[in-house]
Amino acid sequence: MTETDWNDDGQLLEALRDALVTEQEVPRAFVEAGKAAFAWRTIDAELAALTYDSAWAGLEEASVRSAESATLRALTFASDGWTIEIELTSEGLLGQLDPPAAGEITASTDSGVLATARIDDLGFFVLKPLPKTPYRLTCIVDDGPTILTGWVTP
């Protein structure tokens, strides 16, 4: 059925009904295999381990800090030859890729993408708003590797 055949709402509804029936006929094992294959999409990504979290030092200094101090959390992830430094503020996530390179960075959960931003030529990026749920960052460097961080808990 082509678009020109849809000269009334009845024909359009019939085409939509046919599409839903066809979707229900897909074997569950086939759908699960597709989801499993999608999970492997980052298998070649370089895994960046958390090497620094300012919250670690904050636990020791909690009694010294005043209640008026600004809330800022810094994290560093490192992989073979790459470092991703991020700062979590009330406004969003500020970061830099080292060595500097352009690309794209995405914050995502198991259920989907939360935010995406462009990384400029100096390696800087800003993701807004700051995710409120645990997430991980995927950094795709132009003409370079894909780097996947560990999970970040706000």
N, C-alpha and C. Protein backbone atom coordinates (compact mmCIF):
# COMPACT_ATOMS: atom_id res chain seq x y z
N MET A 1 0.85 -1.17 0.00
CA MET A 1 0.00 0.00 0.00
C MET A 1 0.90 1.23 0.00
N THR A 2 0.65 2.15 -0.93
CA THR A 2 1.44 3.37 -1.02
C THR A 2 0.71 4.51 -0.34
N GLU A 3 1.42 5.62 -0.17
CA GLU A 3 0.83 6.78 0.49
C GLU A 3 -0.37 7.30 -0.28
N THR A 4 -0.33 7.20 -1.60
CA THR A 4 -1.45 7.70 -2.41
C THR A 4 -2.68 6.83 -2.25
N ASP A 5 -2.51 5.57 -1.79
CA ASP A 5 -3.66 4.70 -1.56
C ASP A 5 -4.41 5.07 -0.29
N TRP A 6 -3.82 5.90 0.56
CA TRP A 6 -4.45 6.26 1.84
C TRP A 6 -5.32 7.50 1.65
N ASN A 7 -6.43 7.31 0.94
CA ASN A 7 -7.27 8.46 0.69
C ASN A 7 -8.34 8.63 1.76
N ASP A 8 -8.38 7.72 2.74
CA ASP A 8 -9.28 7.94 3.87
C ASP A 8 -8.68 7.34 5.14
N ASP A 9 -9.23 7.73 6.25
CA ASP A 9 -8.70 7.29 7.54
C ASP A 9 -8.82 5.79 7.74
N GLY A 10 -9.83 5.18 7.17
CA GLY A 10 -10.04 3.74 7.31
C GLY A 10 -8.88 2.94 6.74
N GLN A 11 -8.38 3.34 5.57
CA GLN A 11 -7.26 2.64 4.96
C GLN A 11 -5.98 2.83 5.78
N LEU A 12 -5.79 4.02 6.32
CA LEU A 12 -4.62 4.27 7.15
C LEU A 12 -4.68 3.42 8.42
N LEU A 13 -5.82 3.36 9.07
CA LEU A 13 -5.97 2.53 10.27
C LEU A 13 -5.74 1.06 9.96
N GLU A 14 -6.20 0.60 8.82
CA GLU A 14 -5.98 -0.79 8.42
C GLU A 14 -4.49 -1.08 8.24
N ALA A 15 -3.77 -0.15 7.62
CA ALA A 15 -2.32 -0.33 7.43
C ALA A 15 -1.60 -0.35 8.78
N LEU A 16 -1.99 0.52 9.69
CA LEU A 16 -1.39 0.53 11.03
C LEU A 16 -1.70 -0.76 11.79
N ARG A 17 -2.92 -1.26 11.66
CA ARG A 17 -3.31 -2.52 12.31
C ARG A 17 -2.46 -3.68 11.76
N ASP A 18 -2.24 -3.70 10.46
CA ASP A 18 -1.39 -4.73 9.84
C ASP A 18 0.04 -4.66 10.37
N ALA A 19 0.55 -3.44 10.55
CA ALA A 19 1.91 -3.27 11.06
C ALA A 19 2.02 -3.80 12.49
N LEU A 20 1.02 -3.56 13.31
CA LEU A 20 1.05 -4.05 14.69
C LEU A 20 0.97 -5.57 14.75
N VAL A 21 0.16 -6.16 13.90
CA VAL A 21 0.05 -7.63 13.87
C VAL A 21 1.39 -8.23 13.45
N THR A 22 2.04 -7.64 12.46
CA THR A 22 3.33 -8.13 11.99
C THR A 22 4.37 -8.04 13.10
N GLU A 23 4.34 -6.94 13.88
CA GLU A 23 5.30 -6.78 14.97
C GLU A 23 5.09 -7.86 16.03
N GLN A 24 3.86 -8.22 16.30
CA GLN A 24 3.57 -9.23 17.32
C GLN A 24 3.99 -10.62 16.87
N GLU A 25 4.18 -10.83 15.59
CA GLU A 25 4.57 -12.14 15.06
C GLU A 25 6.07 -12.39 15.15
N VAL A 26 6.87 -11.38 15.52
CA VAL A 26 8.32 -11.55 15.63
C VAL A 26 8.61 -12.45 16.83
N PRO A 27 9.35 -13.56 16.62
CA PRO A 27 9.65 -14.47 17.74
C PRO A 27 10.42 -13.76 18.85
N ARG A 28 10.06 -14.05 20.08
CA ARG A 28 10.70 -13.43 21.25
C ARG A 28 12.21 -13.68 21.25
N ALA A 29 12.65 -14.87 20.86
CA ALA A 29 14.08 -15.18 20.82
C ALA A 29 14.81 -14.26 19.84
N PHE A 30 14.15 -13.90 18.74
CA PHE A 30 14.74 -13.00 17.77
C PHE A 30 14.93 -11.60 18.36
N VAL A 31 13.93 -11.13 19.09
CA VAL A 31 14.01 -9.81 19.73
C VAL A 31 15.12 -9.82 20.77
N GLU A 32 15.21 -10.87 21.59
CA GLU A 32 16.25 -10.96 22.61
C GLU A 32 17.65 -11.02 21.98
N ALA A 33 17.78 -11.71 20.86
CA ALA A 33 19.07 -11.78 20.17
C ALA A 33 19.47 -10.39 19.66
N GLY A 34 18.50 -9.64 19.18
CA GLY A 34 18.78 -8.27 18.72
C GLY A 34 19.24 -7.38 19.86
N LYS A 35 18.58 -7.50 21.01
CA LYS A 35 18.99 -6.71 22.18
C LYS A 35 20.38 -7.10 22.65
N ALA A 36 20.68 -8.38 22.64
CA ALA A 36 22.01 -8.86 23.05
C ALA A 36 23.09 -8.35 22.09
N ALA A 37 22.79 -8.35 20.80
CA ALA A 37 23.76 -7.85 19.82
C ALA A 37 24.00 -6.36 20.03
N PHE A 38 22.95 -5.61 20.36
CA PHE A 38 23.09 -4.18 20.60
C PHE A 38 23.97 -3.92 21.81
N ALA A 39 23.88 -4.75 22.82
CA ALA A 39 24.70 -4.58 24.04
C ALA A 39 26.19 -4.70 23.74
N TRP A 40 26.54 -5.39 22.67
CA TRP A 40 27.95 -5.58 22.30
C TRP A 40 28.50 -4.43 21.47
N ARG A 41 27.71 -3.39 21.23
CA ARG A 41 28.16 -2.30 20.35
C ARG A 41 29.38 -1.57 20.87
N THR A 42 29.63 -1.60 22.18
CA THR A 42 30.78 -0.90 22.74
C THR A 42 31.89 -1.86 23.17
N ILE A 43 31.87 -3.07 22.66
CA ILE A 43 32.86 -4.06 23.08
C ILE A 43 34.28 -3.62 22.72
N ASP A 44 34.44 -2.85 21.66
CA ASP A 44 35.77 -2.38 21.26
C ASP A 44 36.16 -1.06 21.93
N ALA A 45 35.28 -0.51 22.76
CA ALA A 45 35.58 0.76 23.42
C ALA A 45 36.69 0.57 24.45
N GLU A 46 37.52 1.59 24.57
CA GLU A 46 38.54 1.57 25.61
C GLU A 46 37.84 1.90 26.92
N LEU A 47 38.04 1.06 27.93
CA LEU A 47 37.40 1.29 29.20
C LEU A 47 38.27 2.22 30.04
N ALA A 48 37.67 3.30 30.50
CA ALA A 48 38.39 4.29 31.31
C ALA A 48 38.01 4.08 32.77
N ALA A 49 38.99 3.74 33.58
CA ALA A 49 38.76 3.48 35.00
C ALA A 49 38.81 4.77 35.80
N LEU A 50 38.02 4.83 36.85
CA LEU A 50 38.04 5.98 37.75
C LEU A 50 39.34 5.98 38.52
N THR A 51 40.11 7.06 38.39
CA THR A 51 41.40 7.15 39.09
C THR A 51 41.38 8.20 40.19
N TYR A 52 40.40 9.11 40.15
CA TYR A 52 40.31 10.14 41.19
C TYR A 52 38.87 10.56 41.35
N ASP A 53 38.44 10.75 42.59
CA ASP A 53 37.12 11.27 42.90
C ASP A 53 37.28 12.19 44.10
N SER A 54 36.97 13.47 43.94
CA SER A 54 37.15 14.42 45.03
C SER A 54 36.28 14.06 46.23
N ALA A 55 35.25 13.26 46.03
CA ALA A 55 34.41 12.83 47.16
C ALA A 55 35.22 11.97 48.13
N TRP A 56 36.25 11.27 47.63
CA TRP A 56 37.10 10.48 48.52
C TRP A 56 37.79 11.39 49.52
N ALA A 57 38.38 12.47 49.03
CA ALA A 57 39.05 13.41 49.92
C ALA A 57 38.03 14.15 50.78
N GLY A 58 36.84 14.36 50.23
CA GLY A 58 35.79 15.07 50.96
C GLY A 58 35.35 14.35 52.22
N LEU A 59 35.44 13.04 52.23
CA LEU A 59 35.06 12.30 53.43
C LEU A 59 35.99 12.62 54.59
N GLU A 60 37.27 12.79 54.30
CA GLU A 60 38.25 13.09 55.34
C GLU A 60 38.16 14.53 55.81
N GLU A 61 37.76 15.44 54.90
CA GLU A 61 37.74 16.85 55.22
C GLU A 61 36.36 17.35 55.61
N ALA A 62 35.38 16.48 55.69
CA ALA A 62 34.00 16.89 55.93
C ALA A 62 33.84 17.69 57.22
N SER A 63 34.57 17.33 58.23
CA SER A 63 34.43 18.04 59.50
C SER A 63 35.12 19.41 59.47
N VAL A 64 36.04 19.61 58.53
CA VAL A 64 36.79 20.86 58.45
C VAL A 64 36.06 21.89 57.61
N ARG A 65 35.36 21.44 56.57
CA ARG A 65 34.70 22.36 55.66
C ARG A 65 33.52 23.07 56.31
N SER A 66 33.28 24.29 55.91
CA SER A 66 32.12 25.01 56.42
C SER A 66 30.91 24.68 55.58
N ALA A 67 29.76 24.95 56.12
CA ALA A 67 28.51 24.68 55.41
C ALA A 67 28.33 25.62 54.21
N GLU A 68 29.12 26.69 54.14
CA GLU A 68 28.98 27.66 53.07
C GLU A 68 29.83 27.33 51.84
N SER A 69 30.66 26.32 51.90
CA SER A 69 31.54 26.02 50.77
C SER A 69 30.73 25.53 49.57
N ALA A 70 31.24 25.83 48.38
CA ALA A 70 30.57 25.44 47.15
C ALA A 70 30.64 23.93 46.96
N THR A 71 29.58 23.37 46.40
CA THR A 71 29.56 21.95 46.12
C THR A 71 30.10 21.73 44.72
N LEU A 72 31.25 21.09 44.64
CA LEU A 72 31.88 20.78 43.37
C LEU A 72 32.54 19.42 43.52
N ARG A 73 32.30 18.56 42.58
CA ARG A 73 32.90 17.24 42.62
C ARG A 73 33.70 17.04 41.35
N ALA A 74 34.94 16.61 41.51
CA ALA A 74 35.82 16.37 40.37
C ALA A 74 36.12 14.89 40.27
N LEU A 75 36.10 14.36 39.05
CA LEU A 75 36.42 12.96 38.80
C LEU A 75 37.39 12.87 37.63
N THR A 76 38.26 11.88 37.67
CA THR A 76 39.18 11.63 36.57
C THR A 76 39.09 10.17 36.18
N PHE A 77 38.92 9.93 34.89
CA PHE A 77 38.90 8.58 34.33
C PHE A 77 40.10 8.46 33.40
N ALA A 78 40.77 7.33 33.44
CA ALA A 78 41.94 7.14 32.58
C ALA A 78 41.87 5.79 31.88
N SER A 79 42.28 5.81 30.63
CA SER A 79 42.43 4.58 29.85
C SER A 79 43.79 4.66 29.18
N ASP A 80 44.09 3.71 28.35
CA ASP A 80 45.39 3.66 27.70
C ASP A 80 45.60 4.89 26.81
N GLY A 81 46.32 5.89 27.33
CA GLY A 81 46.64 7.06 26.54
C GLY A 81 45.62 8.18 26.58
N TRP A 82 44.50 8.02 27.27
CA TRP A 82 43.45 9.04 27.31
C TRP A 82 43.02 9.30 28.74
N THR A 83 42.68 10.55 29.02
CA THR A 83 42.14 10.94 30.32
C THR A 83 40.91 11.80 30.10
N ILE A 84 39.87 11.52 30.87
CA ILE A 84 38.67 12.35 30.85
C ILE A 84 38.51 12.92 32.25
N GLU A 85 38.61 14.24 32.36
CA GLU A 85 38.43 14.92 33.64
C GLU A 85 37.08 15.63 33.60
N ILE A 86 36.28 15.42 34.65
CA ILE A 86 34.96 16.05 34.70
C ILE A 86 34.76 16.72 36.06
N GLU A 87 33.97 17.77 36.06
CA GLU A 87 33.53 18.45 37.27
C GLU A 87 32.02 18.47 37.25
N LEU A 88 31.43 18.04 38.35
CA LEU A 88 29.98 18.04 38.49
C LEU A 88 29.59 19.26 39.30
N THR A 89 28.80 20.12 38.71
CA THR A 89 28.32 21.33 39.39
C THR A 89 26.80 21.28 39.44
N SER A 90 26.21 22.26 40.09
CA SER A 90 24.75 22.31 40.13
C SER A 90 24.17 22.62 38.75
N GLU A 91 24.97 23.23 37.89
CA GLU A 91 24.54 23.61 36.54
C GLU A 91 24.61 22.47 35.54
N GLY A 92 25.65 21.63 35.68
CA GLY A 92 25.85 20.56 34.71
C GLY A 92 27.20 19.91 34.89
N LEU A 93 27.63 19.23 33.85
CA LEU A 93 28.89 18.50 33.86
C LEU A 93 29.86 19.21 32.93
N LEU A 94 31.01 19.64 33.46
CA LEU A 94 32.05 20.30 32.67
C LEU A 94 33.19 19.30 32.53
N GLY A 95 33.79 19.22 31.36
CA GLY A 95 34.85 18.24 31.21
C GLY A 95 35.88 18.59 30.16
N GLN A 96 36.96 17.81 30.20
CA GLN A 96 38.03 17.96 29.22
C GLN A 96 38.64 16.60 28.93
N LEU A 97 38.92 16.39 27.66
CA LEU A 97 39.57 15.19 27.17
C LEU A 97 41.05 15.50 26.98
N ASP A 98 41.91 14.59 27.46
CA ASP A 98 43.35 14.79 27.33
C ASP A 98 43.97 13.51 26.77
N PRO A 99 44.70 13.56 25.66
CA PRO A 99 45.08 14.73 24.90
C PRO A 99 43.87 15.36 24.21
N PRO A 100 43.94 16.68 23.99
CA PRO A 100 42.81 17.38 23.39
C PRO A 100 42.45 16.82 22.02
N ALA A 101 41.17 16.59 21.82
CA ALA A 101 40.68 16.10 20.52
C ALA A 101 39.20 16.42 20.43
N ALA A 102 38.74 16.63 19.22
CA ALA A 102 37.32 16.88 18.99
C ALA A 102 36.57 15.55 18.95
N GLY A 103 35.29 15.61 19.23
CA GLY A 103 34.46 14.41 19.19
C GLY A 103 33.10 14.67 19.76
N GLU A 104 32.51 13.61 20.31
CA GLU A 104 31.17 13.70 20.90
C GLU A 104 31.16 12.91 22.19
N ILE A 105 30.45 13.41 23.19
CA ILE A 105 30.34 12.71 24.46
C ILE A 105 28.87 12.55 24.79
N THR A 106 28.54 11.37 25.33
CA THR A 106 27.16 11.06 25.66
C THR A 106 27.09 10.50 27.07
N ALA A 107 26.14 10.99 27.84
CA ALA A 107 25.83 10.42 29.15
C ALA A 107 24.61 9.54 28.97
N SER A 108 24.71 8.27 29.41
CA SER A 108 23.58 7.37 29.22
C SER A 108 23.44 6.39 30.37
N THR A 109 22.24 5.84 30.49
CA THR A 109 21.93 4.80 31.45
C THR A 109 21.63 3.54 30.66
N ASP A 110 21.28 2.49 31.35
CA ASP A 110 20.87 1.26 30.65
C ASP A 110 19.62 1.49 29.82
N SER A 111 18.81 2.46 30.22
CA SER A 111 17.55 2.68 29.52
C SER A 111 17.61 3.74 28.42
N GLY A 112 18.75 4.38 28.24
CA GLY A 112 18.83 5.33 27.14
C GLY A 112 19.78 6.49 27.37
N VAL A 113 19.81 7.37 26.38
CA VAL A 113 20.70 8.54 26.39
C VAL A 113 20.08 9.64 27.24
N LEU A 114 20.89 10.24 28.13
CA LEU A 114 20.44 11.36 28.96
C LEU A 114 20.82 12.70 28.36
N ALA A 115 22.04 12.79 27.81
CA ALA A 115 22.51 14.04 27.23
C ALA A 115 23.67 13.76 26.29
N THR A 116 23.82 14.59 25.28
CA THR A 116 24.91 14.47 24.32
C THR A 116 25.47 15.87 24.07
N ALA A 117 26.79 15.95 23.90
CA ALA A 117 27.42 17.24 23.62
C ALA A 117 28.60 17.04 22.69
N ARG A 118 28.96 18.08 22.02
CA ARG A 118 30.13 18.10 21.15
C ARG A 118 31.36 18.42 21.98
N ILE A 119 32.46 17.76 21.70
CA ILE A 119 33.76 18.06 22.31
C ILE A 119 34.50 18.94 21.32
N ASP A 120 34.97 20.11 21.78
CA ASP A 120 35.65 21.02 20.84
C ASP A 120 37.09 20.57 20.59
N ASP A 121 37.78 21.28 19.73
CA ASP A 121 39.15 20.92 19.34
C ASP A 121 40.14 20.94 20.51
N LEU A 122 39.81 21.69 21.57
CA LEU A 122 40.67 21.74 22.75
C LEU A 122 40.32 20.66 23.77
N GLY A 123 39.32 19.85 23.43
CA GLY A 123 38.93 18.75 24.32
C GLY A 123 37.88 19.11 25.35
N PHE A 124 37.34 20.34 25.32
CA PHE A 124 36.37 20.77 26.31
C PHE A 124 34.95 20.40 25.90
N PHE A 125 34.11 20.11 26.91
CA PHE A 125 32.70 19.83 26.66
C PHE A 125 31.88 20.21 27.89
N VAL A 126 30.58 20.45 27.66
CA VAL A 126 29.63 20.76 28.72
C VAL A 126 28.38 19.95 28.45
N LEU A 127 27.92 19.20 29.46
CA LEU A 127 26.67 18.46 29.37
C LEU A 127 25.68 19.09 30.35
N LYS A 128 24.52 19.51 29.86
CA LYS A 128 23.49 20.08 30.71
C LYS A 128 22.18 19.43 30.39
N PRO A 129 21.33 19.22 31.35
CA PRO A 129 21.53 19.37 32.79
C PRO A 129 22.32 18.19 33.34
N LEU A 130 22.75 18.32 34.58
CA LEU A 130 23.48 17.25 35.24
C LEU A 130 22.52 16.07 35.45
N PRO A 131 22.89 14.87 34.98
CA PRO A 131 22.01 13.72 35.19
C PRO A 131 21.76 13.47 36.67
N LYS A 132 20.55 13.07 37.00
CA LYS A 132 20.16 12.83 38.40
C LYS A 132 20.22 11.35 38.77
N THR A 133 20.46 10.49 37.79
CA THR A 133 20.55 9.06 38.02
C THR A 133 21.95 8.58 37.64
N PRO A 134 22.35 7.39 38.10
CA PRO A 134 23.67 6.86 37.70
C PRO A 134 23.78 6.79 36.18
N TYR A 135 24.95 7.14 35.66
CA TYR A 135 25.18 7.18 34.22
C TYR A 135 26.64 6.87 33.94
N ARG A 136 26.92 6.59 32.69
CA ARG A 136 28.31 6.46 32.24
C ARG A 136 28.48 7.29 31.00
N LEU A 137 29.72 7.68 30.75
CA LEU A 137 30.03 8.53 29.61
C LEU A 137 30.64 7.71 28.49
N THR A 138 30.21 7.98 27.28
CA THR A 138 30.80 7.40 26.08
C THR A 138 31.36 8.54 25.27
N CYS A 139 32.66 8.50 25.06
CA CYS A 139 33.36 9.55 24.33
C CYS A 139 33.81 8.97 22.98
N ILE A 140 33.32 9.54 21.91
CA ILE A 140 33.72 9.10 20.57
C ILE A 140 34.61 10.19 19.98
N VAL A 141 35.90 9.89 19.90
CA VAL A 141 36.88 10.85 19.40
C VAL A 141 36.87 10.81 17.88
N ASP A 142 36.81 12.00 17.24
CA ASP A 142 36.89 12.06 15.78
C ASP A 142 38.20 11.42 15.34
N ASP A 143 38.14 10.49 14.42
CA ASP A 143 39.32 9.78 13.92
C ASP A 143 40.12 9.14 15.05
N GLY A 144 39.43 8.66 16.07
CA GLY A 144 40.10 8.05 17.21
C GLY A 144 39.23 6.98 17.85
N PRO A 145 39.55 6.62 19.08
CA PRO A 145 38.84 5.53 19.73
C PRO A 145 37.52 5.97 20.35
N THR A 146 36.76 4.99 20.78
CA THR A 146 35.60 5.21 21.62
C THR A 146 36.04 4.87 23.03
N ILE A 147 35.76 5.77 23.99
CA ILE A 147 36.19 5.59 25.36
C ILE A 147 34.93 5.51 26.23
N LEU A 148 34.84 4.51 27.06
CA LEU A 148 33.68 4.27 27.92
C LEU A 148 34.12 4.35 29.36
N THR A 149 33.49 5.24 30.15
CA THR A 149 33.87 5.37 31.56
C THR A 149 33.10 4.38 32.41
N GLY A 150 33.53 4.28 33.66
CA GLY A 150 32.75 3.56 34.65
C GLY A 150 31.52 4.37 35.01
N TRP A 151 30.69 3.83 35.88
CA TRP A 151 29.45 4.49 36.27
C TRP A 151 29.72 5.66 37.21
N VAL A 152 28.99 6.74 37.00
CA VAL A 152 29.06 7.92 37.86
C VAL A 152 27.74 8.00 38.62
N THR A 153 27.83 8.12 39.93
CA THR A 153 26.65 8.28 40.76
C THR A 153 26.61 9.71 41.26
N PRO A 154 25.55 10.44 40.92
CA PRO A 154 25.47 11.86 41.32
C PRO A 154 25.47 12.03 42.83
